[in-house]
Protein backbone atom coordinates (compact mmCIF):
# COMPACT_ATOMS: atom_id res chain seq x y z
CA UNK A 1 -9.53 0.97 -13.37
CA UNK A 2 -9.29 4.21 -11.47
CA UNK A 3 -10.18 4.89 -7.87
CA UNK A 4 -12.43 7.78 -6.93
CA UNK A 5 -11.41 10.24 -4.21
CA UNK A 6 -13.55 8.40 -1.68
CA UNK A 7 -11.92 5.08 -2.59
CA UNK A 8 -8.42 6.56 -2.21
CA UNK A 9 -9.39 8.06 1.15
CA UNK A 10 -10.79 4.73 2.34
CA UNK A 11 -7.66 2.97 1.09
CA UNK A 12 -5.44 5.46 2.95
CA UNK A 13 -7.35 5.00 6.23
CA UNK A 14 -7.39 1.22 5.85
CA UNK A 15 -3.66 1.19 5.05
CA UNK A 16 -2.94 3.34 8.09
CA UNK A 17 -4.96 1.03 10.33
CA UNK A 18 -3.37 -2.16 8.97
CA UNK A 19 0.21 -0.88 9.22
CA UNK A 20 -0.29 0.68 12.64
CA UNK A 21 -1.93 -2.46 14.03
CA UNK A 22 0.73 -4.76 12.57
CA UNK A 23 3.73 -2.69 13.66
CA UNK A 24 2.28 -2.05 17.10
CA UNK A 25 1.51 -5.74 17.62
CA UNK A 26 4.95 -6.89 16.44
CA UNK A 27 6.73 -4.11 18.34
CA UNK A 28 4.94 -4.88 21.59
CA UNK A 29 5.50 -8.59 21.07
CA UNK A 30 9.24 -8.11 20.57
CA UNK A 31 9.68 -5.67 23.45
CA UNK A 32 7.33 -7.65 25.73
CA UNK A 33 5.11 -4.56 26.08
CA UNK A 34 7.96 -2.54 27.58
CA UNK A 35 8.08 0.09 24.84
CA UNK A 36 5.58 2.94 24.50
CA UNK A 37 2.91 2.39 21.88
CA UNK A 38 3.26 5.89 20.41
CA UNK A 39 6.51 5.07 18.65
CA UNK A 40 4.99 2.10 16.86
CA UNK A 41 1.92 4.11 15.87
CA UNK A 42 4.17 6.84 14.45
CA UNK A 43 6.19 4.22 12.55
CA UNK A 44 2.96 2.82 11.09
CA UNK A 45 1.87 6.30 10.02
CA UNK A 46 5.32 6.93 8.49
CA UNK A 47 5.16 3.75 6.40
CA UNK A 48 1.58 4.48 5.35
CA UNK A 49 2.53 7.96 4.14
CA UNK A 50 5.60 6.52 2.41
CA UNK A 51 3.37 3.99 0.67
CA UNK A 52 1.08 6.66 -0.74
CA UNK A 53 4.04 8.80 -1.75
CA UNK A 54 5.40 5.79 -3.65
CA UNK A 55 1.96 5.23 -5.20
CA UNK A 56 1.95 8.81 -6.43
CA UNK A 57 5.42 8.40 -7.93
CA UNK A 58 4.45 5.04 -9.44
CA UNK A 59 1.40 6.53 -11.14
CA UNK A 60 3.48 9.43 -12.43
CA UNK A 61 6.13 7.03 -13.77
CA UNK A 62 3.54 4.93 -15.58
CA UNK A 63 1.82 8.07 -16.90
CA UNK A 64 5.13 9.23 -18.32
CA UNK A 65 5.09 6.18 -20.62
CA UNK A 66 2.52 8.04 -22.69
CA UNK A 67 5.26 10.45 -23.75
CA UNK A 68 6.89 7.47 -25.47
CA UNK A 69 3.54 6.90 -27.21
CA UNK A 70 2.92 3.73 -25.23
CA UNK A 71 -0.83 3.53 -24.63
CA UNK A 72 -2.03 1.25 -21.85
CA UNK A 73 -5.64 0.61 -20.94
CA UNK A 74 -6.91 1.60 -17.48
CA UNK A 75 -6.54 -1.72 -15.64
CA UNK A 76 -3.05 -2.47 -16.97
CA UNK A 77 -1.90 1.08 -16.21
CA UNK A 78 -3.34 0.87 -12.68
CA UNK A 79 -1.73 -2.46 -11.77
CA UNK A 80 1.59 -1.54 -13.40
CA UNK A 81 1.63 1.63 -11.30
CA UNK A 82 0.89 -0.42 -8.17
CA UNK A 83 3.79 -2.77 -9.00
CA UNK A 84 6.19 0.13 -9.64
CA UNK A 85 5.05 1.82 -6.43
CA UNK A 86 5.60 -1.32 -4.37
CA UNK A 87 9.08 -1.80 -5.83
CA UNK A 88 9.89 1.80 -4.87
CA UNK A 89 8.39 1.23 -1.41
CA UNK A 90 10.37 -1.98 -0.87
CA UNK A 91 13.61 -0.23 -1.83
CA UNK A 92 12.90 2.74 0.45
CA UNK A 93 11.82 0.54 3.39
CA UNK A 94 14.90 -1.67 3.00
CA UNK A 95 17.16 1.39 3.01
CA UNK A 96 15.32 2.69 6.09
CA UNK A 97 15.74 -0.57 7.99
CA UNK A 98 19.37 -0.83 6.91
CA UNK A 99 20.08 2.68 8.14
CA UNK A 100 18.90 1.75 11.64
CA UNK A 101 21.82 -0.62 12.14
CA UNK A 102 25.17 0.60 13.36
CA UNK A 103 28.18 0.06 11.13
CA UNK A 104 29.82 -2.26 13.68
CA UNK A 105 26.65 -4.35 14.09
CA UNK A 106 27.32 -7.78 12.61
CA UNK A 107 24.00 -9.33 13.64
CA UNK A 108 21.13 -9.00 11.22
CA UNK A 109 21.88 -8.68 7.55
CA UNK A 110 20.12 -7.19 4.56
CA UNK A 111 18.04 -10.38 4.37
CA UNK A 112 16.13 -9.42 7.51
CA UNK A 113 15.58 -5.93 6.14
CA UNK A 114 14.24 -7.37 2.88
CA UNK A 115 11.96 -9.72 4.78
CA UNK A 116 10.44 -6.90 6.79
CA UNK A 117 10.08 -4.81 3.63
CA UNK A 118 8.34 -7.74 1.93
CA UNK A 119 5.89 -8.03 4.81
CA UNK A 120 5.13 -4.31 4.54
CA UNK A 121 4.63 -4.63 0.76
CA UNK A 122 2.00 -7.29 1.43
CA UNK A 123 0.28 -4.88 3.82
CA UNK A 124 0.35 -2.32 1.00
CA UNK A 125 -1.66 -4.61 -1.23
CA UNK A 126 -4.38 -5.42 1.32
CA UNK A 127 -6.15 -2.01 1.27
CA UNK A 128 -5.86 -1.67 -2.50
CA UNK A 129 -7.30 -5.13 -3.10
CA UNK A 130 -10.10 -4.61 -0.55
CA UNK A 131 -11.09 -1.26 -2.07
CA UNK A 132 -10.89 -2.67 -5.62
CA UNK A 133 -13.07 -5.65 -4.65
CA UNK A 134 -15.61 -3.42 -2.90
CA UNK A 135 -15.64 -1.10 -5.92
CA UNK A 136 -16.31 -4.00 -8.29
CA UNK A 137 -19.01 -5.38 -6.01
CA UNK A 138 -20.67 -1.99 -5.70
CA UNK A 139 -20.51 -1.57 -9.49
CA UNK A 140 -22.24 -4.92 -9.99
CA UNK A 141 -24.94 -4.03 -7.49
CA UNK A 142 -25.55 -0.65 -9.11
CA UNK A 143 -25.73 -2.16 -12.62
CA UNK A 144 -28.16 -4.81 -11.36
CA UNK A 145 -30.38 -2.15 -9.79
CA UNK A 146 -30.27 -0.13 -13.00
CA UNK A 147 -31.25 -3.16 -15.10
CA UNK A 148 -34.03 -4.00 -12.65
CA UNK A 149 -35.42 -0.47 -12.90
CA UNK A 150 -35.27 -0.52 -16.68
CA UNK A 151 -37.05 -3.89 -16.94
CA UNK A 152 -39.84 -3.22 -14.44
CA UNK A 153 -43.11 -1.90 -15.97
């Protein structure tokens, strides 16, 4: 299962919209609409770009398994790369959230950082699953149209 360029572009735009909307909503909810929206939009864009950077590294890591003569079919290679990318993303997001705390801050712990990273990982999966489902649906429709054309006199 491989995405076309158009599917990756749609996934990137959808990911950017989901992350920006979520982070802006949560940020404005926490700050009671006292903070400027631009910071939350920039944070959403940052995490969206980080997600696609991790996807690139995940696909490269899974592709490097071929050097060990480990052949994986397309769907397994795709989903393994998505899993590796999301693990990388969760680690990077957790380190980012942890770096925002001061060293003398005894309030929130790593558990809160992991929770927020987990929420962002779920938002990573939404665009990929939506695009994959739309791609499968479009493939079924196109095959049905092709069969209909071939069977009509």
